[in-house]
PDB file of N, CA and C in Angstrom:
ATOM      1  N   MET A   1      90.126  40.347  81.121  1.00  0.00           N
ATOM      2  CA  MET A   1      89.388  41.569  81.381  1.00  0.00           C
ATOM      3  C   MET A   1      89.012  41.634  82.861  1.00  0.00           C
ATOM      4  N   GLU A   2      89.372  42.689  83.511  1.00  0.00           N
ATOM      5  CA  GLU A   2      89.086  42.872  84.937  1.00  0.00           C
ATOM      6  C   GLU A   2      87.740  43.565  85.101  1.00  0.00           C
ATOM      7  N   ILE A   3      86.826  42.938  85.853  1.00  0.00           N
ATOM      8  CA  ILE A   3      85.513  43.557  86.057  1.00  0.00           C
ATOM      9  C   ILE A   3      85.230  43.874  87.523  1.00  0.00           C
ATOM     10  N   LEU A   4      86.196  43.603  88.394  1.00  0.00           N
ATOM     11  CA  LEU A   4      86.004  43.934  89.803  1.00  0.00           C
ATOM     12  C   LEU A   4      86.267  45.408  90.049  1.00  0.00           C
ATOM     13  N   GLY A   5      85.461  45.987  90.920  1.00  0.00           N
ATOM     14  CA  GLY A   5      85.707  47.354  91.337  1.00  0.00           C
ATOM     15  C   GLY A   5      85.238  48.438  90.387  1.00  0.00           C
ATOM     16  N   ILE A   6      84.405  48.070  89.410  1.00  0.00           N
ATOM     17  CA  ILE A   6      83.935  49.101  88.475  1.00  0.00           C
ATOM     18  C   ILE A   6      82.419  49.296  88.530  1.00  0.00           C
ATOM     19  N   GLY A   7      81.780  48.755  89.560  1.00  0.00           N
ATOM     20  CA  GLY A   7      80.376  49.059  89.794  1.00  0.00           C
ATOM     21  C   GLY A   7      79.342  48.064  89.317  1.00  0.00           C
ATOM     22  N   HIS A   8      79.754  46.945  88.727  1.00  0.00           N
ATOM     23  CA  HIS A   8      78.764  45.974  88.265  1.00  0.00           C
ATOM     24  C   HIS A   8      77.934  45.411  89.411  1.00  0.00           C
ATOM     25  N   GLY A   9      78.587  45.030  90.491  1.00  0.00           N
ATOM     26  CA  GLY A   9      77.867  44.465  91.638  1.00  0.00           C
ATOM     27  C   GLY A   9      76.906  45.466  92.243  1.00  0.00           C
ATOM     28  N   SER A  10      77.359  46.691  92.441  1.00  0.00           N
ATOM     29  CA  SER A  10      76.499  47.741  92.995  1.00  0.00           C
ATOM     30  C   SER A  10      75.285  47.975  92.105  1.00  0.00           C
ATOM     31  N   ALA A  11      75.513  48.035  90.804  1.00  0.00           N
ATOM     32  CA  ALA A  11      74.415  48.279  89.866  1.00  0.00           C
ATOM     33  C   ALA A  11      73.411  47.133  89.890  1.00  0.00           C
ATOM     34  N   PHE A  12      73.899  45.900  89.952  1.00  0.00           N
ATOM     35  CA  PHE A  12      73.002  44.742  90.000  1.00  0.00           C
ATOM     36  C   PHE A  12      72.165  44.776  91.277  1.00  0.00           C
ATOM     37  N   ILE A  13      72.817  44.996  92.420  1.00  0.00           N
ATOM     38  CA  ILE A  13      72.106  45.022  93.701  1.00  0.00           C
ATOM     39  C   ILE A  13      71.091  46.164  93.717  1.00  0.00           C
ATOM     40  N   GLU A  14      71.488  47.325  93.227  1.00  0.00           N
ATOM     41  CA  GLU A  14      70.584  48.477  93.201  1.00  0.00           C
ATOM     42  C   GLU A  14      69.357  48.195  92.327  1.00  0.00           C
ATOM     43  N   ALA A  15      69.560  47.558  91.175  1.00  0.00           N
ATOM     44  CA  ALA A  15      68.442  47.220  90.295  1.00  0.00           C
ATOM     45  C   ALA A  15      67.511  46.217  90.960  1.00  0.00           C
ATOM     46  N   ARG A  16      68.087  45.240  91.639  1.00  0.00           N
ATOM     47  CA  ARG A  16      67.264  44.227  92.332  1.00  0.00           C
ATOM     48  C   ARG A  16      66.494  44.862  93.485  1.00  0.00           C
ATOM     49  N   MET A  17      67.135  45.770  94.222  1.00  0.00           N
ATOM     50  CA  MET A  17      66.445  46.470  95.305  1.00  0.00           C
ATOM     51  C   MET A  17      65.260  47.257  94.750  1.00  0.00           C
ATOM     52  N   LYS A  18      65.479  47.959  93.646  1.00  0.00           N
ATOM     53  CA  LYS A  18      64.421  48.756  93.027  1.00  0.00           C
ATOM     54  C   LYS A  18      63.243  47.859  92.665  1.00  0.00           C
ATOM     55  N   ALA A  19      63.523  46.722  92.056  1.00  0.00           N
ATOM     56  CA  ALA A  19      62.464  45.796  91.658  1.00  0.00           C
ATOM     57  C   ALA A  19      61.702  45.275  92.878  1.00  0.00           C
ATOM     58  N   LEU A  20      62.424  44.920  93.926  1.00  0.00           N
ATOM     59  CA  LEU A  20      61.766  44.409  95.132  1.00  0.00           C
ATOM     60  C   LEU A  20      60.898  45.474  95.791  1.00  0.00           C
ATOM     61  N   PHE A  21      61.407  46.689  95.904  1.00  0.00           N
ATOM     62  CA  PHE A  21      60.627  47.760  96.502  1.00  0.00           C
ATOM     63  C   PHE A  21      59.406  48.098  95.639  1.00  0.00           C
ATOM     64  N   GLU A  22      59.576  48.138  94.334  1.00  0.00           N
ATOM     65  CA  GLU A  22      58.437  48.414  93.442  1.00  0.00           C
ATOM     66  C   GLU A  22      57.385  47.317  93.522  1.00  0.00           C
ATOM     67  N   ALA A  23      57.812  46.094  93.843  1.00  0.00           N
ATOM     68  CA  ALA A  23      56.877  44.978  93.986  1.00  0.00           C
ATOM     69  C   ALA A  23      56.193  44.984  95.356  1.00  0.00           C
ATOM     70  N   GLY A  24      56.579  45.935  96.217  1.00  0.00           N
ATOM     71  CA  GLY A  24      55.900  46.068  97.502  1.00  0.00           C
ATOM     72  C   GLY A  24      56.677  45.639  98.729  1.00  0.00           C
ATOM     73  N   ALA A  25      57.893  45.189  98.564  1.00  0.00           N
ATOM     74  CA  ALA A  25      58.675  44.793  99.739  1.00  0.00           C
ATOM     75  C   ALA A  25      58.943  46.022 100.612  1.00  0.00           C
ATOM     76  N   PRO A  26      58.597  45.975 101.900  1.00  0.00           N
ATOM     77  CA  PRO A  26      58.857  47.123 102.763  1.00  0.00           C
ATOM     78  C   PRO A  26      60.300  47.175 103.257  1.00  0.00           C
ATOM     79  N   VAL A  27      60.962  46.010 103.273  1.00  0.00           N
ATOM     80  CA  VAL A  27      62.337  45.928 103.770  1.00  0.00           C
ATOM     81  C   VAL A  27      63.061  44.807 103.035  1.00  0.00           C
ATOM     82  N   ILE A  28      64.370  44.975 102.862  1.00  0.00           N
ATOM     83  CA  ILE A  28      65.220  43.948 102.252  1.00  0.00           C
ATOM     84  C   ILE A  28      66.343  43.669 103.239  1.00  0.00           C
ATOM     85  N   ALA A  29      66.639  42.404 103.452  1.00  0.00           N
ATOM     86  CA  ALA A  29      67.699  42.022 104.381  1.00  0.00           C
ATOM     87  C   ALA A  29      68.812  41.294 103.645  1.00  0.00           C
ATOM     88  N   THR A  30      70.016  41.401 104.188  1.00  0.00           N
ATOM     89  CA  THR A  30      71.163  40.665 103.662  1.00  0.00           C
ATOM     90  C   THR A  30      72.059  40.309 104.844  1.00  0.00           C
ATOM     91  N   ASP A  31      72.989  39.414 104.615  1.00  0.00           N
ATOM     92  CA  ASP A  31      73.810  38.927 105.732  1.00  0.00           C
ATOM     93  C   ASP A  31      75.243  38.608 105.298  1.00  0.00           C
ATOM     94  N   PRO A  32      76.018  39.635 104.926  1.00  0.00           N
ATOM     95  CA  PRO A  32      77.407  39.378 104.522  1.00  0.00           C
ATOM     96  C   PRO A  32      78.263  38.906 105.698  1.00  0.00           C
ATOM     97  N   ASN A  33      79.353  38.255 105.373  1.00  0.00           N
ATOM     98  CA  ASN A  33      80.333  37.911 106.394  1.00  0.00           C
ATOM     99  C   ASN A  33      80.953  39.220 106.895  1.00  0.00           C
ATOM    100  N   PRO A  34      81.083  39.405 108.205  1.00  0.00           N
ATOM    101  CA  PRO A  34      81.639  40.647 108.738  1.00  0.00           C
ATOM    102  C   PRO A  34      83.050  40.961 108.234  1.00  0.00           C
ATOM    103  N   ALA A  35      83.782  39.962 107.780  1.00  0.00           N
ATOM    104  CA  ALA A  35      85.126  40.197 107.258  1.00  0.00           C
ATOM    105  C   ALA A  35      85.107  40.706 105.813  1.00  0.00           C
ATOM    106  N   ASN A  36      83.959  40.647 105.173  1.00  0.00           N
ATOM    107  CA  ASN A  36      83.856  41.069 103.779  1.00  0.00           C
ATOM    108  C   ASN A  36      83.583  42.579 103.735  1.00  0.00           C
ATOM    109  N   GLU A  37      84.628  43.350 103.989  1.00  0.00           N
ATOM    110  CA  GLU A  37      84.497  44.806 104.076  1.00  0.00           C
ATOM    111  C   GLU A  37      84.025  45.426 102.763  1.00  0.00           C
ATOM    112  N   ARG A  38      84.430  44.858 101.663  1.00  0.00           N
ATOM    113  CA  ARG A  38      84.035  45.385 100.349  1.00  0.00           C
ATOM    114  C   ARG A  38      82.521  45.279 100.154  1.00  0.00           C
ATOM    115  N   ALA A  39      81.959  44.116 100.476  1.00  0.00           N
ATOM    116  CA  ALA A  39      80.511  43.923 100.345  1.00  0.00           C
ATOM    117  C   ALA A  39      79.753  44.840 101.296  1.00  0.00           C
ATOM    118  N   ILE A  40      80.213  44.934 102.527  1.00  0.00           N
ATOM    119  CA  ILE A  40      79.547  45.782 103.516  1.00  0.00           C
ATOM    120  C   ILE A  40      79.559  47.240 103.065  1.00  0.00           C
ATOM    121  N   ALA A  41      80.659  47.697 102.499  1.00  0.00           N
ATOM    122  CA  ALA A  41      80.742  49.072 102.001  1.00  0.00           C
ATOM    123  C   ALA A  41      79.740  49.309 100.873  1.00  0.00           C
ATOM    124  N   VAL A  42      79.593  48.332  99.983  1.00  0.00           N
ATOM    125  CA  VAL A  42      78.623  48.462  98.885  1.00  0.00           C
ATOM    126  C   VAL A  42      77.207  48.526  99.450  1.00  0.00           C
ATOM    127  N   TYR A  43      76.883  47.602 100.365  1.00  0.00           N
ATOM    128  CA  TYR A  43      75.539  47.601 100.947  1.00  0.00           C
ATOM    129  C   TYR A  43      75.245  48.923 101.656  1.00  0.00           C
ATOM    130  N   LYS A  44      76.211  49.448 102.397  1.00  0.00           N
ATOM    131  CA  LYS A  44      76.004  50.737 103.073  1.00  0.00           C
ATOM    132  C   LYS A  44      75.782  51.852 102.063  1.00  0.00           C
ATOM    133  N   LYS A  45      76.558  51.852 100.983  1.00  0.00           N
ATOM    134  CA  LYS A  45      76.405  52.856  99.937  1.00  0.00           C
ATOM    135  C   LYS A  45      75.003  52.817  99.347  1.00  0.00           C
ATOM    136  N   LEU A  46      74.402  51.630  99.301  1.00  0.00           N
ATOM    137  CA  LEU A  46      73.072  51.459  98.723  1.00  0.00           C
ATOM    138  C   LEU A  46      71.950  51.637  99.744  1.00  0.00           C
ATOM    139  N   GLY A  47      72.299  51.995 100.978  1.00  0.00           N
ATOM    140  CA  GLY A  47      71.269  52.297 101.971  1.00  0.00           C
ATOM    141  C   GLY A  47      71.031  51.248 103.034  1.00  0.00           C
ATOM    142  N   PHE A  48      71.789  50.169 103.028  1.00  0.00           N
ATOM    143  CA  PHE A  48      71.637  49.154 104.078  1.00  0.00           C
ATOM    144  C   PHE A  48      72.260  49.658 105.372  1.00  0.00           C
ATOM    145  N   LYS A  49      71.656  49.242 106.481  1.00  0.00           N
ATOM    146  CA  LYS A  49      72.174  49.564 107.806  1.00  0.00           C
ATOM    147  C   LYS A  49      72.364  48.265 108.577  1.00  0.00           C
ATOM    148  N   SER A  50      73.335  48.252 109.455  1.00  0.00           N
ATOM    149  CA  SER A  50      73.567  47.093 110.298  1.00  0.00           C
ATOM    150  C   SER A  50      72.380  46.916 111.237  1.00  0.00           C
ATOM    151  N   SER A  51      72.010  45.690 111.468  1.00  0.00           N
ATOM    152  CA  SER A  51      70.882  45.376 112.350  1.00  0.00           C
ATOM    153  C   SER A  51      71.370  44.532 113.513  1.00  0.00           C
ATOM    154  N   GLY A  52      72.347  45.048 114.215  1.00  0.00           N
ATOM    155  CA  GLY A  52      72.901  44.309 115.348  1.00  0.00           C
ATOM    156  C   GLY A  52      74.335  43.900 115.097  1.00  0.00           C
ATOM    157  N   SER A  53      74.842  43.130 116.009  1.00  0.00           N
ATOM    158  CA  SER A  53      76.232  42.694 115.928  1.00  0.00           C
ATOM    159  C   SER A  53      76.338  41.397 115.125  1.00  0.00           C
ATOM    160  N   PRO A  54      77.555  41.032 114.715  1.00  0.00           N
ATOM    161  CA  PRO A  54      77.739  39.772 113.992  1.00  0.00           C
ATOM    162  C   PRO A  54      77.177  38.590 114.779  1.00  0.00           C
ATOM    163  N   GLN A  55      76.670  37.622 114.044  1.00  0.00           N
ATOM    164  CA  GLN A  55      76.055  36.443 114.650  1.00  0.00           C
ATOM    165  C   GLN A  55      76.601  35.180 114.012  1.00  0.00           C
ATOM    166  N   ASN A  56      76.757  34.151 114.823  1.00  0.00           N
ATOM    167  CA  ASN A  56      77.120  32.837 114.299  1.00  0.00           C
ATOM    168  C   ASN A  56      75.859  32.125 113.853  1.00  0.00           C
ATOM    169  N   THR A  57      75.898  31.555 112.668  1.00  0.00           N
ATOM    170  CA  THR A  57      74.788  30.749 112.155  1.00  0.00           C
ATOM    171  C   THR A  57      75.356  29.405 111.721  1.00  0.00           C
ATOM    172  N   LYS A  58      74.483  28.497 111.338  1.00  0.00           N
ATOM    173  CA  LYS A  58      74.986  27.197 110.874  1.00  0.00           C
ATOM    174  C   LYS A  58      75.723  27.329 109.540  1.00  0.00           C
ATOM    175  N   TRP A  59      75.594  28.500 108.879  1.00  0.00           N
ATOM    176  CA  TRP A  59      76.292  28.751 107.619  1.00  0.00           C
ATOM    177  C   TRP A  59      77.552  29.575 107.817  1.00  0.00           C
ATOM    178  N   GLY A  60      77.815  30.014 109.038  1.00  0.00           N
ATOM    179  CA  GLY A  60      78.990  30.820 109.322  1.00  0.00           C
ATOM    180  C   GLY A  60      78.625  32.145 109.962  1.00  0.00           C
ATOM    181  N   LEU A  61      79.617  32.994 110.114  1.00  0.00           N
ATOM    182  CA  LEU A  61      79.442  34.295 110.754  1.00  0.00           C
ATOM    183  C   LEU A  61      78.794  35.266 109.770  1.00  0.00           C
ATOM    184  N   ILE A  62      77.783  35.999 110.242  1.00  0.00           N
ATOM    185  CA  ILE A  62      77.079  36.968 109.395  1.00  0.00           C
ATOM    186  C   ILE A  62      76.955  38.313 110.106  1.00  0.00           C
ATOM    187  N   LEU A  63      76.763  39.356 109.325  1.00  0.00           N
ATOM    188  CA  LEU A  63      76.404  40.666 109.843  1.00  0.00           C
ATOM    189  C   LEU A  63      75.013  40.975 109.292  1.00  0.00           C
ATOM    190  N   PRO A  64      73.971  40.930 110.136  1.00  0.00           N
ATOM    191  CA  PRO A  64      72.635  41.220 109.633  1.00  0.00           C
ATOM    192  C   PRO A  64      72.521  42.686 109.213  1.00  0.00           C
ATOM    193  N   MET A  65      71.966  42.908 108.024  1.00  0.00           N
ATOM    194  CA  MET A  65      71.792  44.269 107.505  1.00  0.00           C
ATOM    195  C   MET A  65      70.415  44.360 106.854  1.00  0.00           C
ATOM    196  N   PHE A  66      69.866  45.579 106.808  1.00  0.00           N
ATOM    197  CA  PHE A  66      68.571  45.781 106.184  1.00  0.00           C
ATOM    198  C   PHE A  66      68.531  47.127 105.466  1.00  0.00           C
ATOM    199  N   ALA A  67      67.641  47.208 104.491  1.00  0.00           N
ATOM    200  CA  ALA A  67      67.356  48.468 103.805  1.00  0.00           C
ATOM    201  C   ALA A  67      65.842  48.595 103.743  1.00  0.00           C
ATOM    202  N   MET A  68      65.362  49.805 103.989  1.00  0.00           N
ATOM    203  CA  MET A  68      63.923  50.062 103.941  1.00  0.00           C
ATOM    204  C   MET A  68      63.611  50.973 102.771  1.00  0.00           C
ATOM    205  N   ARG A  69      62.375  50.878 102.303  1.00  0.00           N
ATOM    206  CA  ARG A  69      61.918  51.826 101.283  1.00  0.00           C
ATOM    207  C   ARG A  69      62.130  53.227 101.801  1.00  0.00           C
ATOM    208  N   LYS A  70      62.442  54.138 100.923  1.00  0.00           N
ATOM    209  CA  LYS A  70      62.746  55.516 101.331  1.00  0.00           C
ATOM    210  C   LYS A  70      61.611  56.161 102.087  1.00  0.00           C
ATOM    211  N   ASN A  71      60.366  55.810 101.826  1.00  0.00           N
ATOM    212  CA  ASN A  71      59.244  56.424 102.521  1.00  0.00           C
ATOM    213  C   ASN A  71      58.851  55.678 103.798  1.00  0.00           C
ATOM    214  N   GLU A  72      59.559  54.592 104.125  1.00  0.00           N
ATOM    215  CA  GLU A  72      59.285  53.851 105.361  1.00  0.00           C
ATOM    216  C   GLU A  72      60.040  54.479 106.514  1.00  0.00           C
ATOM    217  N   HIS A  73      59.494  54.376 107.697  1.00  0.00           N
ATOM    218  CA  HIS A  73      60.154  54.908 108.893  1.00  0.00           C
ATOM    219  C   HIS A  73      60.440  53.760 109.833  1.00  0.00           C
ATOM    220  N   ARG A  74      61.546  53.851 110.532  1.00  0.00           N
ATOM    221  CA  ARG A  74      61.912  52.803 111.484  1.00  0.00           C
ATOM    222  C   ARG A  74      61.786  53.313 112.882  1.00  0.00           C
TER     223      ARG A  74
END
């Protein structure tokens, strides 16, 4: 059974974001590998924005991204 590409990941992330925001988190951050275009597209679809250029970390290359509550201003 193929489960990739049918929205399970997006739905899980969206539900977790909702829970975090409802619990009072003003911002949520994530750090996908810049080569992971599929993940970056999902995060953008869910409201994440890039927070700078890719960075090298001790865990590898990351693209810092963040999402803010809809009523928050940046």
